[in-house]
């Protein structure tokens, strides 16, 4: 998998995803709106297809890991460059949708190494 990048304003973070560690790229397609007998909705209706990414990464710069974790907490809208090597202008507007911090410091803590799974969903 090629080099990827997340951008918010002037802040850019580039990374290489760990393809053999569970990289997933899928499309969330339109779903039907199922209703109960009483009329309650059981699903959401998407009016367009959306891209969904699960990207395993290792980041060795603490400030970059902190920035990604901050974007997650603030639900920041980001520009995602999904293939900088082959399609440098290919972007998608995404949010990080992890429930907690996507990047955690690894053990032993003397190494400056943060790893985790960044889960992105197109806006």
PDB file of N, CA and C in Angstrom:
ATOM      1  N   UNK A   1       0.852  -1.175   0.000  1.00  0.00           N
ATOM      2  CA  UNK A   1       0.000   0.000   0.000  1.00  0.00           C
ATOM      3  C   UNK A   1       0.888   1.224   0.000  1.00  0.00           C
ATOM      4  N   UNK A   2       0.420   2.251  -0.638  1.00  0.00           N
ATOM      5  CA  UNK A   2       1.203   3.462  -0.834  1.00  0.00           C
ATOM      6  C   UNK A   2       1.139   4.386   0.372  1.00  0.00           C
ATOM      7  N   UNK A   3       2.026   5.358   0.343  1.00  0.00           N
ATOM      8  CA  UNK A   3       2.070   6.402   1.357  1.00  0.00           C
ATOM      9  C   UNK A   3       0.728   7.135   1.400  1.00  0.00           C
ATOM     10  N   UNK A   4       0.253   7.436   2.622  1.00  0.00           N
ATOM     11  CA  UNK A   4      -1.010   8.131   2.802  1.00  0.00           C
ATOM     12  C   UNK A   4      -0.800   9.350   3.686  1.00  0.00           C
ATOM     13  N   UNK A   5      -1.793  10.271   3.679  1.00  0.00           N
ATOM     14  CA  UNK A   5      -1.644  11.501   4.444  1.00  0.00           C
ATOM     15  C   UNK A   5      -3.003  11.988   4.920  1.00  0.00           C
ATOM     16  N   UNK A   6      -3.032  12.531   6.157  1.00  0.00           N
ATOM     17  CA  UNK A   6      -4.199  13.216   6.705  1.00  0.00           C
ATOM     18  C   UNK A   6      -3.854  14.688   6.848  1.00  0.00           C
ATOM     19  N   UNK A   7      -4.800  15.577   6.469  1.00  0.00           N
ATOM     20  CA  UNK A   7      -4.554  17.010   6.490  1.00  0.00           C
ATOM     21  C   UNK A   7      -5.737  17.724   7.123  1.00  0.00           C
ATOM     22  N   UNK A   8      -5.419  18.680   8.000  1.00  0.00           N
ATOM     23  CA  UNK A   8      -6.405  19.609   8.547  1.00  0.00           C
ATOM     24  C   UNK A   8      -5.754  20.982   8.577  1.00  0.00           C
ATOM     25  N   UNK A   9      -6.210  21.865   7.703  1.00  0.00           N
ATOM     26  CA  UNK A   9      -5.589  23.188   7.624  1.00  0.00           C
ATOM     27  C   UNK A   9      -4.141  23.060   7.204  1.00  0.00           C
ATOM     28  N   UNK A  10      -3.237  23.627   7.995  1.00  0.00           N
ATOM     29  CA  UNK A  10      -1.811  23.581   7.679  1.00  0.00           C
ATOM     30  C   UNK A  10      -1.113  22.359   8.269  1.00  0.00           C
ATOM     31  N   UNK A  11      -1.830  21.544   9.039  1.00  0.00           N
ATOM     32  CA  UNK A  11      -1.225  20.379   9.685  1.00  0.00           C
ATOM     33  C   UNK A  11      -1.371  19.151   8.790  1.00  0.00           C
ATOM     34  N   UNK A  12      -0.234  18.534   8.465  1.00  0.00           N
ATOM     35  CA  UNK A  12      -0.211  17.344   7.623  1.00  0.00           C
ATOM     36  C   UNK A  12       0.552  16.229   8.333  1.00  0.00           C
ATOM     37  N   UNK A  13       0.015  15.011   8.260  1.00  0.00           N
ATOM     38  CA  UNK A  13       0.705  13.852   8.826  1.00  0.00           C
ATOM     39  C   UNK A  13       0.710  12.748   7.774  1.00  0.00           C
ATOM     40  N   UNK A  14       1.906  12.329   7.359  1.00  0.00           N
ATOM     41  CA  UNK A  14       2.061  11.250   6.395  1.00  0.00           C
ATOM     42  C   UNK A  14       2.387   9.959   7.130  1.00  0.00           C
ATOM     43  N   UNK A  15       1.933   8.836   6.568  1.00  0.00           N
ATOM     44  CA  UNK A  15       2.199   7.533   7.171  1.00  0.00           C
ATOM     45  C   UNK A  15       2.098   6.445   6.126  1.00  0.00           C
ATOM     46  N   UNK A  16       2.739   5.326   6.413  1.00  0.00           N
ATOM     47  CA  UNK A  16       2.630   4.123   5.598  1.00  0.00           C
ATOM     48  C   UNK A  16       1.763   3.127   6.351  1.00  0.00           C
ATOM     49  N   UNK A  17       0.632   2.735   5.791  1.00  0.00           N
ATOM     50  CA  UNK A  17      -0.201   1.747   6.478  1.00  0.00           C
ATOM     51  C   UNK A  17       0.472   0.372   6.481  1.00  0.00           C
ATOM     52  N   UNK A  18       0.169  -0.401   7.513  1.00  0.00           N
ATOM     53  CA  UNK A  18       0.687  -1.769   7.617  1.00  0.00           C
ATOM     54  C   UNK A  18      -0.303  -2.697   6.919  1.00  0.00           C
ATOM     55  N   UNK A  19      -0.101  -2.926   5.638  1.00  0.00           N
ATOM     56  CA  UNK A  19      -1.066  -3.654   4.817  1.00  0.00           C
ATOM     57  C   UNK A  19      -1.297  -5.077   5.319  1.00  0.00           C
ATOM     58  N   UNK A  20      -0.265  -5.741   5.768  1.00  0.00           N
ATOM     59  CA  UNK A  20      -0.394  -7.128   6.209  1.00  0.00           C
ATOM     60  C   UNK A  20      -0.930  -7.259   7.633  1.00  0.00           C
ATOM     61  N   UNK A  21      -1.308  -6.141   8.247  1.00  0.00           N
ATOM     62  CA  UNK A  21      -1.785  -6.177   9.633  1.00  0.00           C
ATOM     63  C   UNK A  21      -3.266  -5.841   9.734  1.00  0.00           C
ATOM     64  N   UNK A  22      -4.019  -6.037   8.663  1.00  0.00           N
ATOM     65  CA  UNK A  22      -5.461  -5.865   8.733  1.00  0.00           C
ATOM     66  C   UNK A  22      -5.995  -4.622   8.048  1.00  0.00           C
ATOM     67  N   UNK A  23      -5.314  -4.105   7.029  1.00  0.00           N
ATOM     68  CA  UNK A  23      -5.790  -2.928   6.300  1.00  0.00           C
ATOM     69  C   UNK A  23      -7.092  -3.266   5.583  1.00  0.00           C
ATOM     70  N   UNK A  24      -8.115  -2.422   5.775  1.00  0.00           N
ATOM     71  CA  UNK A  24      -9.414  -2.650   5.137  1.00  0.00           C
ATOM     72  C   UNK A  24      -9.869  -1.367   4.466  1.00  0.00           C
ATOM     73  N   UNK A  25     -10.309  -1.495   3.209  1.00  0.00           N
ATOM     74  CA  UNK A  25     -10.876  -0.377   2.466  1.00  0.00           C
ATOM     75  C   UNK A  25     -12.178  -0.889   1.856  1.00  0.00           C
ATOM     76  N   UNK A  26     -13.310  -0.346   2.277  1.00  0.00           N
ATOM     77  CA  UNK A  26     -14.600  -0.810   1.781  1.00  0.00           C
ATOM     78  C   UNK A  26     -15.500   0.372   1.465  1.00  0.00           C
ATOM     79  N   UNK A  27     -16.583   0.086   0.770  1.00  0.00           N
ATOM     80  CA  UNK A  27     -17.602   1.097   0.498  1.00  0.00           C
ATOM     81  C   UNK A  27     -18.839   0.731   1.301  1.00  0.00           C
ATOM     82  N   UNK A  28     -19.365   1.720   2.045  1.00  0.00           N
ATOM     83  CA  UNK A  28     -20.637   1.533   2.733  1.00  0.00           C
ATOM     84  C   UNK A  28     -21.713   1.948   1.739  1.00  0.00           C
ATOM     85  N   UNK A  29     -22.526   1.022   1.328  1.00  0.00           N
ATOM     86  CA  UNK A  29     -23.508   1.311   0.288  1.00  0.00           C
ATOM     87  C   UNK A  29     -24.850   1.704   0.883  1.00  0.00           C
ATOM     88  N   UNK A  30     -25.701   2.267   0.009  1.00  0.00           N
ATOM     89  CA  UNK A  30     -27.049   2.623   0.447  1.00  0.00           C
ATOM     90  C   UNK A  30     -27.704   1.428   1.122  1.00  0.00           C
ATOM     91  N   UNK A  31     -28.393   1.680   2.207  1.00  0.00           N
ATOM     92  CA  UNK A  31     -29.060   0.607   2.935  1.00  0.00           C
ATOM     93  C   UNK A  31     -30.561   0.860   2.959  1.00  0.00           C
ATOM     94  N   UNK A  32     -31.357  -0.189   2.937  1.00  0.00           N
ATOM     95  CA  UNK A  32     -32.803   0.012   3.022  1.00  0.00           C
ATOM     96  C   UNK A  32     -33.200   0.480   4.419  1.00  0.00           C
ATOM     97  N   UNK A  33     -34.330   1.108   4.515  1.00  0.00           N
ATOM     98  CA  UNK A  33     -34.816   1.603   5.808  1.00  0.00           C
ATOM     99  C   UNK A  33     -35.831   0.603   6.358  1.00  0.00           C
ATOM    100  N   UNK A  34     -35.370  -0.256   7.243  1.00  0.00           N
ATOM    101  CA  UNK A  34     -36.230  -1.263   7.838  1.00  0.00           C
ATOM    102  C   UNK A  34     -37.043  -0.639   8.960  1.00  0.00           C
ATOM    103  N   UNK A  35     -38.305  -1.006   9.049  1.00  0.00           N
ATOM    104  CA  UNK A  35     -39.197  -0.485  10.088  1.00  0.00           C
ATOM    105  C   UNK A  35     -39.869  -1.643  10.819  1.00  0.00           C
ATOM    106  N   UNK A  36     -40.181  -1.389  12.079  1.00  0.00           N
ATOM    107  CA  UNK A  36     -40.920  -2.385  12.861  1.00  0.00           C
ATOM    108  C   UNK A  36     -42.409  -2.230  12.558  1.00  0.00           C
ATOM    109  N   UNK A  37     -43.209  -3.097  13.147  1.00  0.00           N
ATOM    110  CA  UNK A  37     -44.656  -3.023  12.971  1.00  0.00           C
ATOM    111  C   UNK A  37     -45.181  -1.679  13.467  1.00  0.00           C
ATOM    112  N   UNK A  38     -44.550  -1.128  14.530  1.00  0.00           N
ATOM    113  CA  UNK A  38     -44.994   0.161  15.076  1.00  0.00           C
ATOM    114  C   UNK A  38     -44.458   1.352  14.274  1.00  0.00           C
ATOM    115  N   UNK A  39     -43.584   1.106  13.304  1.00  0.00           N
ATOM    116  CA  UNK A  39     -43.070   2.180  12.470  1.00  0.00           C
ATOM    117  C   UNK A  39     -41.711   2.707  12.875  1.00  0.00           C
ATOM    118  N   UNK A  40     -41.074   2.166  13.929  1.00  0.00           N
ATOM    119  CA  UNK A  40     -39.756   2.626  14.362  1.00  0.00           C
ATOM    120  C   UNK A  40     -38.695   2.216  13.346  1.00  0.00           C
ATOM    121  N   UNK A  41     -37.753   3.138  13.105  1.00  0.00           N
ATOM    122  CA  UNK A  41     -36.648   2.838  12.193  1.00  0.00           C
ATOM    123  C   UNK A  41     -35.585   2.008  12.903  1.00  0.00           C
ATOM    124  N   UNK A  42     -35.000   1.048  12.190  1.00  0.00           N
ATOM    125  CA  UNK A  42     -33.934   0.226  12.738  1.00  0.00           C
ATOM    126  C   UNK A  42     -32.591   0.460  12.060  1.00  0.00           C
ATOM    127  N   UNK A  43     -32.534   1.332  11.062  1.00  0.00           N
ATOM    128  CA  UNK A  43     -31.268   1.595  10.382  1.00  0.00           C
ATOM    129  C   UNK A  43     -31.245   3.027   9.880  1.00  0.00           C
ATOM    130  N   UNK A  44     -30.067   3.443   9.449  1.00  0.00           N
ATOM    131  CA  UNK A  44     -29.889   4.766   8.885  1.00  0.00           C
ATOM    132  C   UNK A  44     -29.917   4.670   7.367  1.00  0.00           C
ATOM    133  N   UNK A  45     -30.379   5.710   6.725  1.00  0.00           N
ATOM    134  CA  UNK A  45     -30.369   5.762   5.268  1.00  0.00           C
ATOM    135  C   UNK A  45     -29.214   6.627   4.805  1.00  0.00           C
ATOM    136  N   UNK A  46     -28.308   6.060   4.020  1.00  0.00           N
ATOM    137  CA  UNK A  46     -27.248   6.827   3.394  1.00  0.00           C
ATOM    138  C   UNK A  46     -27.710   7.135   1.977  1.00  0.00           C
ATOM    139  N   UNK A  47     -27.559   8.372   1.558  1.00  0.00           N
ATOM    140  CA  UNK A  47     -28.022   8.751   0.231  1.00  0.00           C
ATOM    141  C   UNK A  47     -26.930   8.635  -0.819  1.00  0.00           C
ATOM    142  N   UNK A  48     -25.709   8.365  -0.416  1.00  0.00           N
ATOM    143  CA  UNK A  48     -24.609   8.085  -1.327  1.00  0.00           C
ATOM    144  C   UNK A  48     -23.755   6.988  -0.718  1.00  0.00           C
ATOM    145  N   UNK A  49     -22.948   6.383  -1.563  1.00  0.00           N
ATOM    146  CA  UNK A  49     -21.975   5.414  -1.050  1.00  0.00           C
ATOM    147  C   UNK A  49     -20.855   6.173  -0.348  1.00  0.00           C
ATOM    148  N   UNK A  50     -20.325   5.601   0.733  1.00  0.00           N
ATOM    149  CA  UNK A  50     -19.245   6.222   1.496  1.00  0.00           C
ATOM    150  C   UNK A  50     -18.094   5.250   1.627  1.00  0.00           C
ATOM    151  N   UNK A  51     -16.869   5.783   1.613  1.00  0.00           N
ATOM    152  CA  UNK A  51     -15.688   4.961   1.823  1.00  0.00           C
ATOM    153  C   UNK A  51     -15.426   4.808   3.320  1.00  0.00           C
ATOM    154  N   UNK A  52     -14.962   3.639   3.691  1.00  0.00           N
ATOM    155  CA  UNK A  52     -14.626   3.310   5.081  1.00  0.00           C
ATOM    156  C   UNK A  52     -13.243   2.661   5.049  1.00  0.00           C
ATOM    157  N   UNK A  53     -12.350   3.143   5.923  1.00  0.00           N
ATOM    158  CA  UNK A  53     -10.986   2.629   5.986  1.00  0.00           C
ATOM    159  C   UNK A  53     -10.654   2.207   7.414  1.00  0.00           C
ATOM    160  N   UNK A  54      -9.973   1.094   7.554  1.00  0.00           N
ATOM    161  CA  UNK A  54      -9.376   0.680   8.820  1.00  0.00           C
ATOM    162  C   UNK A  54      -7.893   0.519   8.533  1.00  0.00           C
ATOM    163  N   UNK A  55      -7.093   1.431   9.091  1.00  0.00           N
ATOM    164  CA  UNK A  55      -5.688   1.540   8.702  1.00  0.00           C
ATOM    165  C   UNK A  55      -4.777   1.283   9.902  1.00  0.00           C
ATOM    166  N   UNK A  56      -4.098   0.140   9.940  1.00  0.00           N
ATOM    167  CA  UNK A  56      -3.116  -0.108  11.001  1.00  0.00           C
ATOM    168  C   UNK A  56      -1.844   0.680  10.705  1.00  0.00           C
ATOM    169  N   UNK A  57      -1.357   1.419  11.697  1.00  0.00           N
ATOM    170  CA  UNK A  57      -0.163   2.254  11.495  1.00  0.00           C
ATOM    171  C   UNK A  57       0.755   2.206  12.702  1.00  0.00           C
ATOM    172  N   UNK A  58       2.014   2.543  12.443  1.00  0.00           N
ATOM    173  CA  UNK A  58       3.000   2.802  13.491  1.00  0.00           C
ATOM    174  C   UNK A  58       3.533   4.202  13.228  1.00  0.00           C
ATOM    175  N   UNK A  59       3.452   5.057  14.224  1.00  0.00           N
ATOM    176  CA  UNK A  59       3.934   6.437  14.126  1.00  0.00           C
ATOM    177  C   UNK A  59       5.077   6.582  15.125  1.00  0.00           C
ATOM    178  N   UNK A  60       6.192   7.178  14.688  1.00  0.00           N
ATOM    179  CA  UNK A  60       7.348   7.312  15.576  1.00  0.00           C
ATOM    180  C   UNK A  60       7.556   8.747  16.056  1.00  0.00           C
ATOM    181  N   UNK A  61       6.644   9.643  15.732  1.00  0.00           N
ATOM    182  CA  UNK A  61       6.741  11.031  16.177  1.00  0.00           C
ATOM    183  C   UNK A  61       5.596  11.301  17.145  1.00  0.00           C
ATOM    184  N   UNK A  62       5.928  11.600  18.396  1.00  0.00           N
ATOM    185  CA  UNK A  62       4.918  11.804  19.433  1.00  0.00           C
ATOM    186  C   UNK A  62       3.918  12.892  19.060  1.00  0.00           C
ATOM    187  N   UNK A  63       4.396  13.992  18.494  1.00  0.00           N
ATOM    188  CA  UNK A  63       3.504  15.098  18.130  1.00  0.00           C
ATOM    189  C   UNK A  63       2.478  14.665  17.081  1.00  0.00           C
ATOM    190  N   UNK A  64       2.877  13.812  16.147  1.00  0.00           N
ATOM    191  CA  UNK A  64       1.939  13.312  15.122  1.00  0.00           C
ATOM    192  C   UNK A  64       0.884  12.406  15.753  1.00  0.00           C
ATOM    193  N   UNK A  65       1.309  11.526  16.651  1.00  0.00           N
ATOM    194  CA  UNK A  65       0.365  10.647  17.337  1.00  0.00           C
ATOM    195  C   UNK A  65      -0.615  11.464  18.177  1.00  0.00           C
ATOM    196  N   UNK A  66      -0.105  12.465  18.880  1.00  0.00           N
ATOM    197  CA  UNK A  66      -0.967  13.329  19.687  1.00  0.00           C
ATOM    198  C   UNK A  66      -1.956  14.089  18.816  1.00  0.00           C
ATOM    199  N   UNK A  67      -1.509  14.534  17.637  1.00  0.00           N
ATOM    200  CA  UNK A  67      -2.393  15.277  16.733  1.00  0.00           C
ATOM    201  C   UNK A  67      -3.524  14.382  16.221  1.00  0.00           C
ATOM    202  N   UNK A  68      -3.195  13.163  15.829  1.00  0.00           N
ATOM    203  CA  UNK A  68      -4.228  12.229  15.352  1.00  0.00           C
ATOM    204  C   UNK A  68      -5.222  11.930  16.468  1.00  0.00           C
ATOM    205  N   UNK A  69      -4.735  11.704  17.682  1.00  0.00           N
ATOM    206  CA  UNK A  69      -5.636  11.465  18.815  1.00  0.00           C
ATOM    207  C   UNK A  69      -6.505  12.694  19.096  1.00  0.00           C
ATOM    208  N   UNK A  70      -5.957  13.885  18.930  1.00  0.00           N
ATOM    209  CA  UNK A  70      -6.713  15.122  19.129  1.00  0.00           C
ATOM    210  C   UNK A  70      -7.808  15.271  18.073  1.00  0.00           C
ATOM    211  N   UNK A  71      -7.481  14.977  16.820  1.00  0.00           N
ATOM    212  CA  UNK A  71      -8.480  15.039  15.757  1.00  0.00           C
ATOM    213  C   UNK A  71      -9.636  14.084  16.053  1.00  0.00           C
ATOM    214  N   UNK A  72      -9.328  12.945  16.637  1.00  0.00           N
ATOM    215  CA  UNK A  72     -10.366  11.976  16.976  1.00  0.00           C
ATOM    216  C   UNK A  72     -11.310  12.560  18.025  1.00  0.00           C
ATOM    217  N   UNK A  73     -10.750  13.113  19.092  1.00  0.00           N
ATOM    218  CA  UNK A  73     -11.573  13.678  20.174  1.00  0.00           C
ATOM    219  C   UNK A  73     -12.422  14.847  19.700  1.00  0.00           C
ATOM    220  N   UNK A  74     -11.878  15.671  18.802  1.00  0.00           N
ATOM    221  CA  UNK A  74     -12.583  16.866  18.329  1.00  0.00           C
ATOM    222  C   UNK A  74     -13.474  16.603  17.114  1.00  0.00           C
ATOM    223  N   UNK A  75     -13.478  15.359  16.619  1.00  0.00           N
ATOM    224  CA  UNK A  75     -14.278  14.981  15.448  1.00  0.00           C
ATOM    225  C   UNK A  75     -13.978  15.914  14.274  1.00  0.00           C
ATOM    226  N   UNK A  76     -12.696  16.154  14.032  1.00  0.00           N
ATOM    227  CA  UNK A  76     -12.245  17.097  13.013  1.00  0.00           C
ATOM    228  C   UNK A  76     -12.462  16.528  11.611  1.00  0.00           C
ATOM    229  N   UNK A  77     -12.963  17.367  10.717  1.00  0.00           N
ATOM    230  CA  UNK A  77     -13.091  16.987   9.319  1.00  0.00           C
ATOM    231  C   UNK A  77     -11.711  17.080   8.672  1.00  0.00           C
ATOM    232  N   UNK A  78     -11.276  15.995   8.025  1.00  0.00           N
ATOM    233  CA  UNK A  78      -9.923  15.899   7.479  1.00  0.00           C
ATOM    234  C   UNK A  78      -9.954  15.606   5.990  1.00  0.00           C
ATOM    235  N   UNK A  79      -8.884  15.987   5.316  1.00  0.00           N
ATOM    236  CA  UNK A  79      -8.669  15.579   3.933  1.00  0.00           C
ATOM    237  C   UNK A  79      -7.724  14.389   3.965  1.00  0.00           C
ATOM    238  N   UNK A  80      -8.145  13.287   3.358  1.00  0.00           N
ATOM    239  CA  UNK A  80      -7.374  12.047   3.356  1.00  0.00           C
ATOM    240  C   UNK A  80      -6.836  11.791   1.954  1.00  0.00           C
ATOM    241  N   UNK A  81      -5.507  11.780   1.827  1.00  0.00           N
ATOM    242  CA  UNK A  81      -4.848  11.422   0.573  1.00  0.00           C
ATOM    243  C   UNK A  81      -4.580   9.920   0.649  1.00  0.00           C
ATOM    244  N   UNK A  82      -5.334   9.135  -0.098  1.00  0.00           N
ATOM    245  CA  UNK A  82      -5.290   7.687   0.070  1.00  0.00           C
ATOM    246  C   UNK A  82      -4.194   6.994  -0.725  1.00  0.00           C
ATOM    247  N   UNK A  83      -3.531   7.688  -1.665  1.00  0.00           N
ATOM    248  CA  UNK A  83      -2.455   7.059  -2.430  1.00  0.00           C
ATOM    249  C   UNK A  83      -1.540   8.137  -2.996  1.00  0.00           C
ATOM    250  N   UNK A  84      -0.583   8.607  -2.197  1.00  0.00           N
ATOM    251  CA  UNK A  84       0.301   9.695  -2.618  1.00  0.00           C
ATOM    252  C   UNK A  84       1.283   9.286  -3.705  1.00  0.00           C
ATOM    253  N   UNK A  85       1.578   8.000  -3.842  1.00  0.00           N
ATOM    254  CA  UNK A  85       2.570   7.558  -4.814  1.00  0.00           C
ATOM    255  C   UNK A  85       1.992   7.415  -6.215  1.00  0.00           C
ATOM    256  N   UNK A  86       0.778   6.904  -6.337  1.00  0.00           N
ATOM    257  CA  UNK A  86       0.199   6.642  -7.655  1.00  0.00           C
ATOM    258  C   UNK A  86      -0.868   7.645  -8.077  1.00  0.00           C
ATOM    259  N   UNK A  87      -1.541   8.254  -7.128  1.00  0.00           N
ATOM    260  CA  UNK A  87      -2.623   9.195  -7.422  1.00  0.00           C
ATOM    261  C   UNK A  87      -2.552  10.331  -6.405  1.00  0.00           C
ATOM    262  N   UNK A  88      -1.557  11.199  -6.575  1.00  0.00           N
ATOM    263  CA  UNK A  88      -1.235  12.218  -5.567  1.00  0.00           C
ATOM    264  C   UNK A  88      -2.370  13.205  -5.307  1.00  0.00           C
ATOM    265  N   UNK A  89      -3.277  13.377  -6.242  1.00  0.00           N
ATOM    266  CA  UNK A  89      -4.367  14.336  -6.051  1.00  0.00           C
ATOM    267  C   UNK A  89      -5.654  13.661  -5.575  1.00  0.00           C
ATOM    268  N   UNK A  90      -5.646  12.347  -5.434  1.00  0.00           N
ATOM    269  CA  UNK A  90      -6.843  11.624  -4.990  1.00  0.00           C
ATOM    270  C   UNK A  90      -7.101  11.846  -3.507  1.00  0.00           C
ATOM    271  N   UNK A  91      -8.231  12.492  -3.182  1.00  0.00           N
ATOM    272  CA  UNK A  91      -8.554  12.784  -1.784  1.00  0.00           C
ATOM    273  C   UNK A  91      -9.990  12.395  -1.466  1.00  0.00           C
ATOM    274  N   UNK A  92     -10.233  12.248  -0.175  1.00  0.00           N
ATOM    275  CA  UNK A  92     -11.590  12.068   0.346  1.00  0.00           C
ATOM    276  C   UNK A  92     -11.694  12.878   1.634  1.00  0.00           C
ATOM    277  N   UNK A  93     -12.863  13.430   1.905  1.00  0.00           N
ATOM    278  CA  UNK A  93     -13.113  14.147   3.153  1.00  0.00           C
ATOM    279  C   UNK A  93     -13.620  13.130   4.163  1.00  0.00           C
ATOM    280  N   UNK A  94     -12.937  13.035   5.306  1.00  0.00           N
ATOM    281  CA  UNK A  94     -13.214  11.967   6.266  1.00  0.00           C
ATOM    282  C   UNK A  94     -13.250  12.498   7.696  1.00  0.00           C
ATOM    283  N   UNK A  95     -13.743  11.658   8.591  1.00  0.00           N
ATOM    284  CA  UNK A  95     -13.642  11.828  10.042  1.00  0.00           C
ATOM    285  C   UNK A  95     -12.988  10.575  10.589  1.00  0.00           C
ATOM    286  N   UNK A  96     -12.242  10.725  11.672  1.00  0.00           N
ATOM    287  CA  UNK A  96     -11.735   9.553  12.398  1.00  0.00           C
ATOM    288  C   UNK A  96     -12.850   9.135  13.337  1.00  0.00           C
ATOM    289  N   UNK A  97     -13.283   7.879  13.260  1.00  0.00           N
ATOM    290  CA  UNK A  97     -14.452   7.448  14.031  1.00  0.00           C
ATOM    291  C   UNK A  97     -14.122   6.453  15.139  1.00  0.00           C
ATOM    292  N   UNK A  98     -12.852   6.352  15.514  1.00  0.00           N
ATOM    293  CA  UNK A  98     -12.488   5.481  16.641  1.00  0.00           C
ATOM    294  C   UNK A  98     -13.235   5.925  17.901  1.00  0.00           C
ATOM    295  N   UNK A  99     -13.589   4.989  18.754  1.00  0.00           N
ATOM    296  CA  UNK A  99     -14.260   5.333  20.012  1.00  0.00           C
ATOM    297  C   UNK A  99     -13.294   5.944  21.024  1.00  0.00           C
ATOM    298  N   UNK A 100     -12.052   5.522  21.008  1.00  0.00           N
ATOM    299  CA  UNK A 100     -11.032   6.077  21.907  1.00  0.00           C
ATOM    300  C   UNK A 100      -9.864   6.571  21.085  1.00  0.00           C
ATOM    301  N   UNK A 101      -8.735   6.814  21.745  1.00  0.00           N
ATOM    302  CA  UNK A 101      -7.536   7.240  21.020  1.00  0.00           C
ATOM    303  C   UNK A 101      -7.076   6.121  20.089  1.00  0.00           C
ATOM    304  N   UNK A 102      -6.912   6.408  18.796  1.00  0.00           N
ATOM    305  CA  UNK A 102      -6.487   5.344  17.883  1.00  0.00           C
ATOM    306  C   UNK A 102      -5.034   4.923  18.065  1.00  0.00           C
ATOM    307  N   UNK A 103      -4.183   5.821  18.571  1.00  0.00           N
ATOM    308  CA  UNK A 103      -2.762   5.496  18.703  1.00  0.00           C
ATOM    309  C   UNK A 103      -2.348   5.482  20.162  1.00  0.00           C
ATOM    310  N   UNK A 104      -1.715   4.393  20.567  1.00  0.00           N
ATOM    311  CA  UNK A 104      -1.239   4.213  21.939  1.00  0.00           C
ATOM    312  C   UNK A 104       0.257   3.968  21.910  1.00  0.00           C
ATOM    313  N   UNK A 105       0.951   4.407  22.965  1.00  0.00           N
ATOM    314  CA  UNK A 105       2.386   4.142  23.064  1.00  0.00           C
ATOM    315  C   UNK A 105       2.592   2.646  23.306  1.00  0.00           C
ATOM    316  N   UNK A 106       3.583   2.098  22.623  1.00  0.00           N
ATOM    317  CA  UNK A 106       3.856   0.674  22.774  1.00  0.00           C
ATOM    318  C   UNK A 106       4.738   0.421  23.983  1.00  0.00           C
ATOM    319  N   UNK A 107       4.787  -0.816  24.396  1.00  0.00           N
ATOM    320  CA  UNK A 107       5.657  -1.230  25.491  1.00  0.00           C
ATOM    321  C   UNK A 107       6.855  -1.912  24.860  1.00  0.00           C
ATOM    322  N   UNK A 108       8.078  -1.658  25.212  1.00  0.00           N
ATOM    323  CA  UNK A 108       8.507  -0.808  26.309  1.00  0.00           C
ATOM    324  C   UNK A 108       8.357   0.675  25.966  1.00  0.00           C
ATOM    325  N   UNK A 109       8.090   1.470  26.960  1.00  0.00           N
ATOM    326  CA  UNK A 109       7.823   2.886  26.751  1.00  0.00           C
ATOM    327  C   UNK A 109       9.068   3.705  26.440  1.00  0.00           C
ATOM    328  N   UNK A 110      10.242   3.130  26.535  1.00  0.00           N
ATOM    329  CA  UNK A 110      11.452   3.872  26.196  1.00  0.00           C
ATOM    330  C   UNK A 110      11.587   4.073  24.701  1.00  0.00           C
ATOM    331  N   UNK A 111      10.842   3.315  23.908  1.00  0.00           N
ATOM    332  CA  UNK A 111      10.828   3.529  22.460  1.00  0.00           C
ATOM    333  C   UNK A 111       9.783   4.582  22.137  1.00  0.00           C
ATOM    334  N   UNK A 112      10.105   5.490  21.257  1.00  0.00           N
ATOM    335  CA  UNK A 112       9.145   6.509  20.834  1.00  0.00           C
ATOM    336  C   UNK A 112       8.341   5.922  19.680  1.00  0.00           C
ATOM    337  N   UNK A 113       7.365   5.070  20.023  1.00  0.00           N
ATOM    338  CA  UNK A 113       6.625   4.331  19.011  1.00  0.00           C
ATOM    339  C   UNK A 113       5.165   4.243  19.432  1.00  0.00           C
ATOM    340  N   UNK A 114       4.300   4.707  18.562  1.00  0.00           N
ATOM    341  CA  UNK A 114       2.853   4.671  18.803  1.00  0.00           C
ATOM    342  C   UNK A 114       2.240   3.831  17.700  1.00  0.00           C
ATOM    343  N   UNK A 115       1.349   2.947  18.077  1.00  0.00           N
ATOM    344  CA  UNK A 115       0.710   2.125  17.047  1.00  0.00           C
ATOM    345  C   UNK A 115      -0.769   1.949  17.372  1.00  0.00           C
ATOM    346  N   UNK A 116      -1.500   1.611  16.320  1.00  0.00           N
ATOM    347  CA  UNK A 116      -2.928   1.403  16.487  1.00  0.00           C
ATOM    348  C   UNK A 116      -3.631   1.344  15.150  1.00  0.00           C
ATOM    349  N   UNK A 117      -4.952   1.360  15.202  1.00  0.00           N
ATOM    350  CA  UNK A 117      -5.797   1.279  14.023  1.00  0.00           C
ATOM    351  C   UNK A 117      -6.554   2.590  13.901  1.00  0.00           C
ATOM    352  N   UNK A 118      -6.350   3.303  12.805  1.00  0.00           N
ATOM    353  CA  UNK A 118      -7.101   4.528  12.533  1.00  0.00           C
ATOM    354  C   UNK A 118      -8.296   4.137  11.681  1.00  0.00           C
ATOM    355  N   UNK A 119      -9.491   4.425  12.169  1.00  0.00           N
ATOM    356  CA  UNK A 119     -10.709   4.095  11.428  1.00  0.00           C
ATOM    357  C   UNK A 119     -11.287   5.406  10.865  1.00  0.00           C
ATOM    358  N   UNK A 120     -11.354   5.463   9.539  1.00  0.00           N
ATOM    359  CA  UNK A 120     -11.842   6.654   8.850  1.00  0.00           C
ATOM    360  C   UNK A 120     -13.161   6.355   8.145  1.00  0.00           C
ATOM    361  N   UNK A 121     -14.033   7.343   8.106  1.00  0.00           N
ATOM    362  CA  UNK A 121     -15.261   7.216   7.329  1.00  0.00           C
ATOM    363  C   UNK A 121     -15.478   8.504   6.554  1.00  0.00           C
ATOM    364  N   UNK A 122     -15.808   8.353   5.286  1.00  0.00           N
ATOM    365  CA  UNK A 122     -16.033   9.505   4.431  1.00  0.00           C
ATOM    366  C   UNK A 122     -17.255  10.283   4.906  1.00  0.00           C
ATOM    367  N   UNK A 123     -17.161  11.607   4.818  1.00  0.00           N
ATOM    368  CA  UNK A 123     -18.259  12.486   5.232  1.00  0.00           C
ATOM    369  C   UNK A 123     -19.326  12.495   4.163  1.00  0.00           C
TER     370      UNK A 123
END
